[in-house]
Amino acid sequence: MPIYLDDRKLAKRLLAGNERAFDQFFDENFSRLYRFALARLSGEEDVAMEIVQMALSRALKKIHSYRGEAALFTWLCMICRNEIADWTRKNAGYRKHIVLTEDYPDIRAAVDSFTAPDSDDPRLRYQRYEAARLIQVALDRLPPNYGNALEWKYIEGFSVRDIAQRMNISSAAAQSTLARARRAFQEIYSTLAQPVFNE
């Protein structure tokens, strides 16, 4: 498992109260984390801003626990996801959420469509937007360990061995967790997508 030495050094400088480290921390992460949250909140700018501020504040309080086993931004994204989950639980009427990719054909097609060139066809643009939103909704509905495993595997590109180490389980157990997470994600996504794409 790689150790992110530069990120660890920044964390140590933050713990020491270094003002330049604080500026660097915000300059390097605020905009990226805001985009991360915004995508998972369907463009709700005010909510995303509030959640990112809470996530960064929580991260600074917990910076002593950051060991550099993941990139600092990845660690911040995990905190931000938890803040989004907390917010959505407290605002139960809010259904627009977070997500991830899949090996199943319908989900793979939806994910692949994100990289397709923009279309002038309003229907195709709408379907692409809906696919992205529903992928986000599906991921947030998964148990946290499933969501984390899928994100590490398909977004961060971690190996099964790395995921096992991060979850403190065997490689076989990590593989099993990924398989269950994929099935759970596919069931949720397919159920959500059916009324949208079968119109």
N, C-alpha and C. Protein backbone atom coordinates (compact mmCIF):
# COMPACT_ATOMS: atom_id res chain seq x y z
N MET A 1 0.85 -1.19 0.00
CA MET A 1 0.00 0.00 0.00
C MET A 1 0.89 1.25 0.00
N PRO A 2 0.65 2.18 -0.92
CA PRO A 2 1.50 3.37 -0.98
C PRO A 2 1.28 4.28 0.23
N ILE A 3 2.33 4.98 0.61
CA ILE A 3 2.22 5.99 1.66
C ILE A 3 2.39 7.35 0.99
N TYR A 4 1.46 8.23 1.25
CA TYR A 4 1.46 9.55 0.61
C TYR A 4 2.24 10.52 1.51
N LEU A 5 3.56 10.54 1.27
CA LEU A 5 4.46 11.27 2.16
C LEU A 5 4.19 12.77 2.17
N ASP A 6 3.96 13.37 1.01
CA ASP A 6 3.70 14.81 0.96
C ASP A 6 2.44 15.16 1.74
N ASP A 7 1.42 14.32 1.60
CA ASP A 7 0.18 14.56 2.33
C ASP A 7 0.39 14.39 3.83
N ARG A 8 1.21 13.41 4.22
CA ARG A 8 1.51 13.23 5.65
C ARG A 8 2.25 14.43 6.21
N LYS A 9 3.18 14.96 5.41
CA LYS A 9 3.93 16.15 5.86
C LYS A 9 3.00 17.33 6.05
N LEU A 10 2.05 17.49 5.12
CA LEU A 10 1.08 18.58 5.25
C LEU A 10 0.25 18.39 6.52
N ALA A 11 -0.16 17.17 6.79
CA ALA A 11 -0.95 16.89 7.99
C ALA A 11 -0.16 17.24 9.25
N LYS A 12 1.12 16.92 9.26
CA LYS A 12 1.96 17.24 10.42
C LYS A 12 2.10 18.75 10.60
N ARG A 13 2.23 19.46 9.48
CA ARG A 13 2.32 20.92 9.56
C ARG A 13 1.01 21.52 10.06
N LEU A 14 -0.11 20.93 9.65
CA LEU A 14 -1.41 21.40 10.15
C LEU A 14 -1.51 21.18 11.66
N LEU A 15 -1.06 20.02 12.11
CA LEU A 15 -1.09 19.72 13.55
C LEU A 15 -0.21 20.69 14.35
N ALA A 16 0.84 21.16 13.70
CA ALA A 16 1.74 22.11 14.36
C ALA A 16 1.22 23.54 14.32
N GLY A 17 0.07 23.74 13.66
CA GLY A 17 -0.53 25.07 13.60
C GLY A 17 0.09 25.99 12.57
N ASN A 18 0.74 25.41 11.57
CA ASN A 18 1.39 26.20 10.53
C ASN A 18 0.34 26.88 9.65
N GLU A 19 0.38 28.22 9.60
CA GLU A 19 -0.63 28.98 8.87
C GLU A 19 -0.57 28.73 7.37
N ARG A 20 0.65 28.61 6.83
CA ARG A 20 0.78 28.34 5.40
C ARG A 20 0.24 26.96 5.04
N ALA A 21 0.39 26.01 5.94
CA ALA A 21 -0.15 24.67 5.71
C ALA A 21 -1.67 24.73 5.66
N PHE A 22 -2.24 25.54 6.52
CA PHE A 22 -3.70 25.71 6.55
C PHE A 22 -4.18 26.29 5.22
N ASP A 23 -3.50 27.32 4.72
CA ASP A 23 -3.85 27.91 3.43
C ASP A 23 -3.71 26.90 2.30
N GLN A 24 -2.62 26.13 2.32
CA GLN A 24 -2.40 25.11 1.30
C GLN A 24 -3.50 24.05 1.33
N PHE A 25 -3.87 23.63 2.54
CA PHE A 25 -4.91 22.63 2.72
C PHE A 25 -6.21 23.08 2.05
N PHE A 26 -6.62 24.31 2.29
CA PHE A 26 -7.86 24.82 1.70
C PHE A 26 -7.71 25.09 0.21
N ASP A 27 -6.60 25.68 -0.19
CA ASP A 27 -6.40 26.00 -1.60
C ASP A 27 -6.41 24.75 -2.48
N GLU A 28 -5.81 23.67 -1.99
CA GLU A 28 -5.68 22.45 -2.79
C GLU A 28 -6.94 21.59 -2.77
N ASN A 29 -7.76 21.75 -1.74
CA ASN A 29 -8.85 20.79 -1.56
C ASN A 29 -10.27 21.36 -1.62
N PHE A 30 -10.44 22.64 -1.33
CA PHE A 30 -11.81 23.15 -1.22
C PHE A 30 -12.59 23.02 -2.53
N SER A 31 -12.02 23.51 -3.63
CA SER A 31 -12.73 23.49 -4.91
C SER A 31 -13.01 22.08 -5.39
N ARG A 32 -12.01 21.20 -5.23
CA ARG A 32 -12.19 19.81 -5.66
C ARG A 32 -13.26 19.12 -4.82
N LEU A 33 -13.24 19.35 -3.52
CA LEU A 33 -14.22 18.71 -2.65
C LEU A 33 -15.61 19.28 -2.90
N TYR A 34 -15.67 20.56 -3.23
CA TYR A 34 -16.96 21.18 -3.56
C TYR A 34 -17.54 20.53 -4.81
N ARG A 35 -16.72 20.30 -5.83
CA ARG A 35 -17.20 19.63 -7.04
C ARG A 35 -17.65 18.20 -6.72
N PHE A 36 -16.89 17.52 -5.86
CA PHE A 36 -17.25 16.16 -5.44
C PHE A 36 -18.63 16.16 -4.79
N ALA A 37 -18.87 17.09 -3.87
CA ALA A 37 -20.15 17.15 -3.17
C ALA A 37 -21.27 17.59 -4.11
N LEU A 38 -20.99 18.57 -4.94
CA LEU A 38 -22.01 19.12 -5.84
C LEU A 38 -22.56 18.04 -6.77
N ALA A 39 -21.67 17.19 -7.27
CA ALA A 39 -22.10 16.11 -8.17
C ALA A 39 -23.01 15.12 -7.46
N ARG A 40 -22.83 14.99 -6.16
CA ARG A 40 -23.61 14.04 -5.39
C ARG A 40 -24.85 14.66 -4.78
N LEU A 41 -25.03 15.93 -5.00
CA LEU A 41 -26.20 16.64 -4.48
C LEU A 41 -26.99 17.29 -5.61
N SER A 42 -26.82 16.75 -6.80
CA SER A 42 -27.56 17.20 -7.99
C SER A 42 -27.54 18.71 -8.18
N GLY A 43 -26.36 19.31 -7.97
CA GLY A 43 -26.21 20.73 -8.26
C GLY A 43 -26.73 21.67 -7.19
N GLU A 44 -27.06 21.16 -6.01
CA GLU A 44 -27.54 22.03 -4.91
C GLU A 44 -26.35 22.79 -4.32
N GLU A 45 -26.07 23.96 -4.86
CA GLU A 45 -24.84 24.68 -4.54
C GLU A 45 -24.73 25.07 -3.07
N ASP A 46 -25.81 25.61 -2.50
CA ASP A 46 -25.76 26.04 -1.10
C ASP A 46 -25.53 24.87 -0.16
N VAL A 47 -26.21 23.76 -0.44
CA VAL A 47 -26.05 22.56 0.39
C VAL A 47 -24.64 22.02 0.26
N ALA A 48 -24.13 21.96 -0.96
CA ALA A 48 -22.77 21.46 -1.20
C ALA A 48 -21.75 22.32 -0.46
N MET A 49 -21.92 23.64 -0.51
CA MET A 49 -21.00 24.54 0.18
C MET A 49 -21.01 24.28 1.69
N GLU A 50 -22.20 24.13 2.24
CA GLU A 50 -22.34 23.88 3.69
C GLU A 50 -21.69 22.55 4.07
N ILE A 51 -21.93 21.53 3.27
CA ILE A 51 -21.40 20.21 3.58
C ILE A 51 -19.88 20.19 3.47
N VAL A 52 -19.33 20.84 2.45
CA VAL A 52 -17.88 20.87 2.29
C VAL A 52 -17.23 21.61 3.46
N GLN A 53 -17.83 22.69 3.90
CA GLN A 53 -17.29 23.41 5.06
C GLN A 53 -17.29 22.52 6.30
N MET A 54 -18.38 21.77 6.48
CA MET A 54 -18.46 20.85 7.62
C MET A 54 -17.42 19.74 7.49
N ALA A 55 -17.28 19.22 6.28
CA ALA A 55 -16.33 18.13 6.05
C ALA A 55 -14.89 18.58 6.31
N LEU A 56 -14.53 19.75 5.83
CA LEU A 56 -13.17 20.25 6.05
C LEU A 56 -12.92 20.56 7.52
N SER A 57 -13.93 21.09 8.17
CA SER A 57 -13.81 21.36 9.61
C SER A 57 -13.62 20.06 10.39
N ARG A 58 -14.41 19.05 10.04
CA ARG A 58 -14.28 17.75 10.71
C ARG A 58 -12.91 17.13 10.41
N ALA A 59 -12.46 17.28 9.17
CA ALA A 59 -11.15 16.73 8.80
C ALA A 59 -10.03 17.36 9.62
N LEU A 60 -10.10 18.66 9.81
CA LEU A 60 -9.06 19.33 10.61
C LEU A 60 -9.07 18.84 12.06
N LYS A 61 -10.26 18.57 12.57
CA LYS A 61 -10.34 18.05 13.95
C LYS A 61 -9.79 16.63 14.05
N LYS A 62 -9.85 15.90 12.91
CA LYS A 62 -9.40 14.51 12.92
C LYS A 62 -8.05 14.32 12.23
N ILE A 63 -7.38 15.41 11.89
CA ILE A 63 -6.17 15.31 11.08
C ILE A 63 -5.09 14.46 11.77
N HIS A 64 -5.14 14.38 13.10
CA HIS A 64 -4.18 13.54 13.82
C HIS A 64 -4.32 12.07 13.46
N SER A 65 -5.50 11.68 12.95
CA SER A 65 -5.74 10.27 12.61
C SER A 65 -5.34 9.93 11.18
N TYR A 66 -4.99 10.96 10.39
CA TYR A 66 -4.59 10.71 9.00
C TYR A 66 -3.17 10.15 8.98
N ARG A 67 -3.01 8.94 8.38
CA ARG A 67 -1.71 8.27 8.38
C ARG A 67 -1.05 8.22 7.01
N GLY A 68 -1.70 8.77 5.99
CA GLY A 68 -1.09 8.78 4.67
C GLY A 68 -1.25 7.49 3.90
N GLU A 69 -2.14 6.59 4.36
CA GLU A 69 -2.35 5.33 3.64
C GLU A 69 -3.20 5.53 2.38
N ALA A 70 -3.90 6.64 2.34
CA ALA A 70 -4.64 7.05 1.14
C ALA A 70 -4.27 8.50 0.88
N ALA A 71 -4.50 8.95 -0.34
CA ALA A 71 -4.27 10.36 -0.63
C ALA A 71 -5.15 11.20 0.29
N LEU A 72 -4.66 12.35 0.67
CA LEU A 72 -5.42 13.22 1.57
C LEU A 72 -6.78 13.55 0.97
N PHE A 73 -6.83 13.79 -0.34
CA PHE A 73 -8.11 14.12 -0.96
C PHE A 73 -9.07 12.94 -0.88
N THR A 74 -8.58 11.72 -1.06
CA THR A 74 -9.43 10.53 -0.94
C THR A 74 -10.00 10.45 0.47
N TRP A 75 -9.17 10.71 1.45
CA TRP A 75 -9.59 10.72 2.86
C TRP A 75 -10.66 11.78 3.09
N LEU A 76 -10.46 12.95 2.49
CA LEU A 76 -11.45 14.03 2.61
C LEU A 76 -12.77 13.64 1.94
N CYS A 77 -12.70 12.95 0.81
CA CYS A 77 -13.92 12.52 0.13
C CYS A 77 -14.72 11.56 0.99
N MET A 78 -14.03 10.69 1.72
CA MET A 78 -14.74 9.77 2.61
C MET A 78 -15.47 10.53 3.72
N ILE A 79 -14.81 11.53 4.27
CA ILE A 79 -15.44 12.36 5.30
C ILE A 79 -16.62 13.11 4.70
N CYS A 80 -16.43 13.63 3.50
CA CYS A 80 -17.49 14.38 2.82
C CYS A 80 -18.69 13.47 2.54
N ARG A 81 -18.44 12.24 2.11
CA ARG A 81 -19.54 11.30 1.87
C ARG A 81 -20.33 11.06 3.15
N ASN A 82 -19.63 10.94 4.27
CA ASN A 82 -20.33 10.75 5.55
C ASN A 82 -21.18 11.96 5.90
N GLU A 83 -20.66 13.15 5.62
CA GLU A 83 -21.42 14.37 5.88
C GLU A 83 -22.67 14.43 4.98
N ILE A 84 -22.51 14.02 3.73
CA ILE A 84 -23.66 13.99 2.82
C ILE A 84 -24.71 13.00 3.34
N ALA A 85 -24.24 11.82 3.77
CA ALA A 85 -25.18 10.82 4.29
C ALA A 85 -25.90 11.34 5.53
N ASP A 86 -25.16 12.00 6.43
CA ASP A 86 -25.80 12.59 7.63
C ASP A 86 -26.84 13.62 7.24
N TRP A 87 -26.47 14.47 6.28
CA TRP A 87 -27.39 15.54 5.86
C TRP A 87 -28.66 14.96 5.25
N THR A 88 -28.49 13.93 4.41
CA THR A 88 -29.66 13.37 3.75
C THR A 88 -30.56 12.62 4.74
N ARG A 89 -29.95 12.03 5.78
CA ARG A 89 -30.78 11.39 6.81
C ARG A 89 -31.60 12.43 7.56
N LYS A 90 -30.98 13.57 7.84
CA LYS A 90 -31.69 14.64 8.57
C LYS A 90 -32.71 15.34 7.70
N ASN A 91 -32.53 15.27 6.40
CA ASN A 91 -33.46 15.89 5.45
C ASN A 91 -34.08 14.78 4.61
N ALA A 92 -34.91 13.99 5.28
CA ALA A 92 -35.40 12.73 4.71
C ALA A 92 -36.13 12.91 3.38
N GLY A 93 -36.70 14.07 3.13
CA GLY A 93 -37.41 14.28 1.87
C GLY A 93 -36.50 14.45 0.68
N TYR A 94 -35.21 14.58 0.94
CA TYR A 94 -34.26 14.83 -0.14
C TYR A 94 -33.79 13.50 -0.72
N ARG A 95 -34.06 13.27 -2.01
CA ARG A 95 -33.76 11.97 -2.60
C ARG A 95 -32.63 11.98 -3.62
N LYS A 96 -32.03 13.13 -3.87
CA LYS A 96 -31.00 13.18 -4.90
C LYS A 96 -29.65 12.95 -4.22
N HIS A 97 -28.93 11.90 -4.59
CA HIS A 97 -27.75 11.43 -3.85
C HIS A 97 -26.47 11.04 -4.61
N ILE A 98 -25.69 10.03 -3.97
CA ILE A 98 -24.32 9.64 -4.36
C ILE A 98 -24.14 8.30 -5.09
N VAL A 99 -22.90 8.03 -5.71
CA VAL A 99 -22.75 6.79 -6.43
C VAL A 99 -21.46 6.13 -6.87
N LEU A 100 -21.73 5.05 -7.78
CA LEU A 100 -20.62 4.29 -8.32
C LEU A 100 -20.81 3.36 -9.49
N THR A 101 -19.68 2.81 -9.99
CA THR A 101 -19.71 2.05 -11.23
C THR A 101 -19.86 0.54 -11.04
N GLU A 102 -20.14 -0.15 -12.16
CA GLU A 102 -20.53 -1.55 -12.12
C GLU A 102 -20.04 -2.39 -13.28
N ASP A 103 -20.07 -3.69 -13.04
CA ASP A 103 -19.70 -4.64 -14.09
C ASP A 103 -20.92 -5.10 -14.88
N TYR A 104 -22.11 -4.82 -14.39
CA TYR A 104 -23.31 -5.25 -15.09
C TYR A 104 -23.51 -4.39 -16.34
N PRO A 105 -24.01 -4.98 -17.44
CA PRO A 105 -24.08 -4.26 -18.71
C PRO A 105 -24.86 -2.95 -18.67
N ASP A 106 -26.03 -2.94 -17.99
CA ASP A 106 -26.82 -1.71 -18.00
C ASP A 106 -26.12 -0.59 -17.23
N ILE A 107 -25.46 -0.95 -16.14
CA ILE A 107 -24.76 0.05 -15.34
C ILE A 107 -23.47 0.49 -16.04
N ARG A 108 -22.75 -0.47 -16.63
CA ARG A 108 -21.54 -0.12 -17.37
C ARG A 108 -21.88 0.84 -18.51
N ALA A 109 -22.98 0.60 -19.19
CA ALA A 109 -23.39 1.49 -20.28
C ALA A 109 -23.68 2.89 -19.75
N ALA A 110 -24.33 2.96 -18.60
CA ALA A 110 -24.63 4.27 -18.01
C ALA A 110 -23.35 5.00 -17.65
N VAL A 111 -22.40 4.26 -17.03
CA VAL A 111 -21.14 4.89 -16.63
C VAL A 111 -20.34 5.32 -17.86
N ASP A 112 -20.29 4.44 -18.87
CA ASP A 112 -19.55 4.78 -20.09
C ASP A 112 -20.13 6.00 -20.79
N SER A 113 -21.43 6.22 -20.63
CA SER A 113 -22.06 7.36 -21.30
C SER A 113 -21.55 8.69 -20.75
N PHE A 114 -20.97 8.67 -19.53
CA PHE A 114 -20.47 9.93 -18.95
C PHE A 114 -19.33 10.50 -19.78
N THR A 115 -18.55 9.60 -20.41
CA THR A 115 -17.39 10.07 -21.17
C THR A 115 -17.72 10.31 -22.64
N ALA A 116 -18.96 10.02 -23.01
CA ALA A 116 -19.36 10.25 -24.41
C ALA A 116 -19.45 11.75 -24.69
N PRO A 117 -19.22 12.15 -25.93
CA PRO A 117 -19.34 13.58 -26.25
C PRO A 117 -20.75 14.08 -26.00
N ASP A 118 -20.85 15.35 -25.64
CA ASP A 118 -22.17 15.94 -25.43
C ASP A 118 -23.00 15.83 -26.70
N SER A 119 -24.28 15.59 -26.51
CA SER A 119 -25.18 15.45 -27.66
C SER A 119 -26.10 16.66 -27.74
N ASP A 120 -26.50 16.99 -28.97
CA ASP A 120 -27.47 18.07 -29.16
C ASP A 120 -28.90 17.57 -28.95
N ASP A 121 -29.04 16.25 -28.86
CA ASP A 121 -30.36 15.65 -28.68
C ASP A 121 -30.79 15.81 -27.22
N PRO A 122 -31.84 16.59 -26.95
CA PRO A 122 -32.26 16.84 -25.55
C PRO A 122 -32.59 15.55 -24.82
N ARG A 123 -33.16 14.57 -25.51
CA ARG A 123 -33.51 13.30 -24.84
C ARG A 123 -32.26 12.57 -24.37
N LEU A 124 -31.23 12.52 -25.23
CA LEU A 124 -29.99 11.84 -24.85
C LEU A 124 -29.30 12.57 -23.71
N ARG A 125 -29.33 13.89 -23.76
CA ARG A 125 -28.72 14.68 -22.68
C ARG A 125 -29.45 14.45 -21.37
N TYR A 126 -30.77 14.37 -21.42
CA TYR A 126 -31.56 14.10 -20.21
C TYR A 126 -31.24 12.71 -19.66
N GLN A 127 -31.16 11.71 -20.55
CA GLN A 127 -30.88 10.35 -20.09
C GLN A 127 -29.49 10.26 -19.47
N ARG A 128 -28.55 10.98 -20.04
CA ARG A 128 -27.20 10.98 -19.48
C ARG A 128 -27.19 11.61 -18.09
N TYR A 129 -27.90 12.72 -17.95
CA TYR A 129 -28.00 13.38 -16.64
C TYR A 129 -28.66 12.45 -15.62
N GLU A 130 -29.75 11.80 -16.04
CA GLU A 130 -30.48 10.90 -15.13
C GLU A 130 -29.62 9.71 -14.73
N ALA A 131 -28.85 9.17 -15.68
CA ALA A 131 -27.98 8.03 -15.35
C ALA A 131 -26.98 8.43 -14.27
N ALA A 132 -26.37 9.61 -14.43
CA ALA A 132 -25.40 10.08 -13.44
C ALA A 132 -26.07 10.27 -12.08
N ARG A 133 -27.25 10.86 -12.08
CA ARG A 133 -27.94 11.11 -10.82
C ARG A 133 -28.33 9.80 -10.14
N LEU A 134 -28.83 8.84 -10.93
CA LEU A 134 -29.28 7.58 -10.35
C LEU A 134 -28.11 6.74 -9.84
N ILE A 135 -26.98 6.82 -10.51
CA ILE A 135 -25.78 6.14 -10.01
C ILE A 135 -25.42 6.72 -8.65
N GLN A 136 -25.53 8.02 -8.52
CA GLN A 136 -25.23 8.67 -7.24
C GLN A 136 -26.23 8.25 -6.16
N VAL A 137 -27.48 8.19 -6.51
CA VAL A 137 -28.52 7.77 -5.55
C VAL A 137 -28.24 6.34 -5.09
N ALA A 138 -27.94 5.46 -6.03
CA ALA A 138 -27.74 4.05 -5.71
C ALA A 138 -26.57 3.86 -4.76
N LEU A 139 -25.47 4.55 -5.00
CA LEU A 139 -24.29 4.36 -4.14
C LEU A 139 -24.58 4.79 -2.71
N ASP A 140 -25.27 5.89 -2.55
CA ASP A 140 -25.56 6.36 -1.20
C ASP A 140 -26.52 5.46 -0.45
N ARG A 141 -27.28 4.66 -1.18
CA ARG A 141 -28.22 3.76 -0.51
C ARG A 141 -27.56 2.47 -0.05
N LEU A 142 -26.33 2.25 -0.48
CA LEU A 142 -25.61 1.05 -0.05
C LEU A 142 -25.08 1.22 1.36
N PRO A 143 -24.86 0.11 2.08
CA PRO A 143 -24.14 0.21 3.36
C PRO A 143 -22.77 0.85 3.12
N PRO A 144 -22.26 1.62 4.09
CA PRO A 144 -20.99 2.34 3.87
C PRO A 144 -19.84 1.47 3.40
N ASN A 145 -19.70 0.23 3.95
CA ASN A 145 -18.57 -0.60 3.54
C ASN A 145 -18.69 -1.02 2.07
N TYR A 146 -19.93 -1.21 1.58
CA TYR A 146 -20.12 -1.53 0.17
C TYR A 146 -19.76 -0.33 -0.71
N GLY A 147 -20.26 0.84 -0.33
CA GLY A 147 -19.97 2.04 -1.10
C GLY A 147 -18.49 2.33 -1.16
N ASN A 148 -17.82 2.20 -0.01
CA ASN A 148 -16.38 2.44 0.04
C ASN A 148 -15.62 1.44 -0.84
N ALA A 149 -15.99 0.15 -0.74
CA ALA A 149 -15.30 -0.88 -1.51
C ALA A 149 -15.43 -0.61 -3.01
N LEU A 150 -16.64 -0.28 -3.45
CA LEU A 150 -16.84 0.00 -4.88
C LEU A 150 -16.09 1.23 -5.33
N GLU A 151 -16.10 2.26 -4.49
CA GLU A 151 -15.40 3.50 -4.86
C GLU A 151 -13.90 3.26 -4.95
N TRP A 152 -13.35 2.53 -3.98
CA TRP A 152 -11.91 2.24 -4.00
C TRP A 152 -11.55 1.41 -5.23
N LYS A 153 -12.39 0.45 -5.58
CA LYS A 153 -12.10 -0.45 -6.71
C LYS A 153 -12.26 0.25 -8.05
N TYR A 154 -13.39 0.92 -8.26
CA TYR A 154 -13.73 1.40 -9.60
C TYR A 154 -13.40 2.86 -9.85
N ILE A 155 -13.28 3.64 -8.81
CA ILE A 155 -12.93 5.05 -9.01
C ILE A 155 -11.46 5.28 -8.68
N GLU A 156 -11.01 4.77 -7.52
CA GLU A 156 -9.61 4.97 -7.12
C GLU A 156 -8.68 3.96 -7.79
N GLY A 157 -9.25 2.83 -8.26
CA GLY A 157 -8.42 1.84 -8.94
C GLY A 157 -7.59 0.97 -8.02
N PHE A 158 -7.99 0.84 -6.76
CA PHE A 158 -7.24 0.02 -5.81
C PHE A 158 -7.40 -1.46 -6.15
N SER A 159 -6.39 -2.25 -5.83
CA SER A 159 -6.47 -3.69 -6.00
C SER A 159 -7.30 -4.29 -4.87
N VAL A 160 -7.72 -5.54 -5.08
CA VAL A 160 -8.47 -6.24 -4.02
C VAL A 160 -7.62 -6.34 -2.75
N ARG A 161 -6.34 -6.56 -2.95
CA ARG A 161 -5.43 -6.66 -1.79
C ARG A 161 -5.39 -5.35 -1.00
N ASP A 162 -5.30 -4.23 -1.74
CA ASP A 162 -5.30 -2.92 -1.06
C ASP A 162 -6.60 -2.69 -0.32
N ILE A 163 -7.71 -3.06 -0.95
CA ILE A 163 -9.02 -2.89 -0.31
C ILE A 163 -9.10 -3.74 0.95
N ALA A 164 -8.58 -4.97 0.87
CA ALA A 164 -8.57 -5.86 2.04
C ALA A 164 -7.79 -5.22 3.19
N GLN A 165 -6.64 -4.65 2.87
CA GLN A 165 -5.82 -4.00 3.91
C GLN A 165 -6.55 -2.81 4.52
N ARG A 166 -7.21 -2.02 3.68
CA ARG A 166 -7.93 -0.84 4.19
C ARG A 166 -9.10 -1.24 5.07
N MET A 167 -9.73 -2.39 4.75
CA MET A 167 -10.89 -2.84 5.51
C MET A 167 -10.50 -3.79 6.64
N ASN A 168 -9.18 -4.09 6.72
CA ASN A 168 -8.66 -4.98 7.75
C ASN A 168 -9.32 -6.36 7.69
N ILE A 169 -9.44 -6.89 6.46
CA ILE A 169 -10.02 -8.21 6.24
C ILE A 169 -9.13 -8.96 5.25
N SER A 170 -9.39 -10.25 5.04
CA SER A 170 -8.61 -11.03 4.09
C SER A 170 -8.97 -10.64 2.66
N SER A 171 -8.09 -11.00 1.71
CA SER A 171 -8.38 -10.72 0.30
C SER A 171 -9.64 -11.45 -0.16
N ALA A 172 -9.82 -12.68 0.33
CA ALA A 172 -11.02 -13.44 -0.04
C ALA A 172 -12.28 -12.74 0.47
N ALA A 173 -12.19 -12.22 1.70
CA ALA A 173 -13.35 -11.50 2.26
C ALA A 173 -13.61 -10.21 1.50
N ALA A 174 -12.53 -9.53 1.07
CA ALA A 174 -12.69 -8.29 0.29
C ALA A 174 -13.34 -8.60 -1.06
N GLN A 175 -12.91 -9.71 -1.69
CA GLN A 175 -13.50 -10.12 -2.98
C GLN A 175 -14.99 -10.42 -2.80
N SER A 176 -15.32 -11.08 -1.70
CA SER A 176 -16.72 -11.41 -1.40
C SER A 176 -17.53 -10.15 -1.15
N THR A 177 -16.94 -9.19 -0.42
CA THR A 177 -17.61 -7.91 -0.15
C THR A 177 -17.89 -7.18 -1.45
N LEU A 178 -16.89 -7.16 -2.36
CA LEU A 178 -17.08 -6.50 -3.65
C LEU A 178 -18.19 -7.17 -4.46
N ALA A 179 -18.23 -8.49 -4.43
CA ALA A 179 -19.27 -9.21 -5.18
C ALA A 179 -20.66 -8.87 -4.63
N ARG A 180 -20.79 -8.85 -3.30
CA ARG A 180 -22.09 -8.51 -2.69
C ARG A 180 -22.44 -7.06 -2.97
N ALA A 181 -21.43 -6.19 -2.91
CA ALA A 181 -21.66 -4.77 -3.17
C ALA A 181 -22.12 -4.55 -4.60
N ARG A 182 -21.51 -5.27 -5.56
CA ARG A 182 -21.91 -5.13 -6.96
C ARG A 182 -23.35 -5.57 -7.17
N ARG A 183 -23.72 -6.69 -6.55
CA ARG A 183 -25.09 -7.18 -6.69
C ARG A 183 -26.09 -6.20 -6.08
N ALA A 184 -25.75 -5.69 -4.88
CA ALA A 184 -26.65 -4.74 -4.21
C ALA A 184 -26.79 -3.47 -5.04
N PHE A 185 -25.66 -3.00 -5.57
CA PHE A 185 -25.69 -1.78 -6.37
C PHE A 185 -26.52 -1.99 -7.63
N GLN A 186 -26.33 -3.13 -8.29
CA GLN A 186 -27.06 -3.42 -9.52
C GLN A 186 -28.57 -3.47 -9.27
N GLU A 187 -28.96 -4.08 -8.16
CA GLU A 187 -30.39 -4.17 -7.85
C GLU A 187 -31.00 -2.78 -7.63
N ILE A 188 -30.29 -1.96 -6.85
CA ILE A 188 -30.80 -0.61 -6.56
C ILE A 188 -30.84 0.22 -7.84
N TYR A 189 -29.74 0.20 -8.60
CA TYR A 189 -29.67 1.03 -9.80
C TYR A 189 -30.73 0.61 -10.81
N SER A 190 -30.87 -0.70 -11.03
CA SER A 190 -31.83 -1.18 -12.02
C SER A 190 -33.26 -0.79 -11.65
N THR A 191 -33.57 -0.89 -10.36
CA THR A 191 -34.90 -0.50 -9.89
C THR A 191 -35.15 0.98 -10.11
N LEU A 192 -34.16 1.79 -9.81
CA LEU A 192 -34.29 3.24 -9.98
C LEU A 192 -34.38 3.62 -11.46
N ALA A 193 -33.58 2.94 -12.28
CA ALA A 193 -33.47 3.33 -13.70
C ALA A 193 -34.65 2.86 -14.53
N GLN A 194 -35.32 1.80 -14.12
CA GLN A 194 -36.38 1.22 -14.93
C GLN A 194 -37.46 2.22 -15.36
N PRO A 195 -38.04 2.99 -14.41
CA PRO A 195 -39.07 3.94 -14.85
C PRO A 195 -38.53 5.09 -15.69
N VAL A 196 -37.24 5.39 -15.54
CA VAL A 196 -36.64 6.51 -16.29
C VAL A 196 -36.35 6.11 -17.73
N PHE A 197 -35.73 4.95 -17.90
CA PHE A 197 -35.25 4.57 -19.24
C PHE A 197 -36.20 3.67 -20.00
N ASN A 198 -37.31 3.29 -19.37
CA ASN A 198 -38.31 2.49 -20.07
C ASN A 198 -39.52 3.33 -20.47
N GLU A 199 -39.38 4.65 -20.38
CA GLU A 199 -40.50 5.53 -20.77
C GLU A 199 -40.70 5.48 -22.26
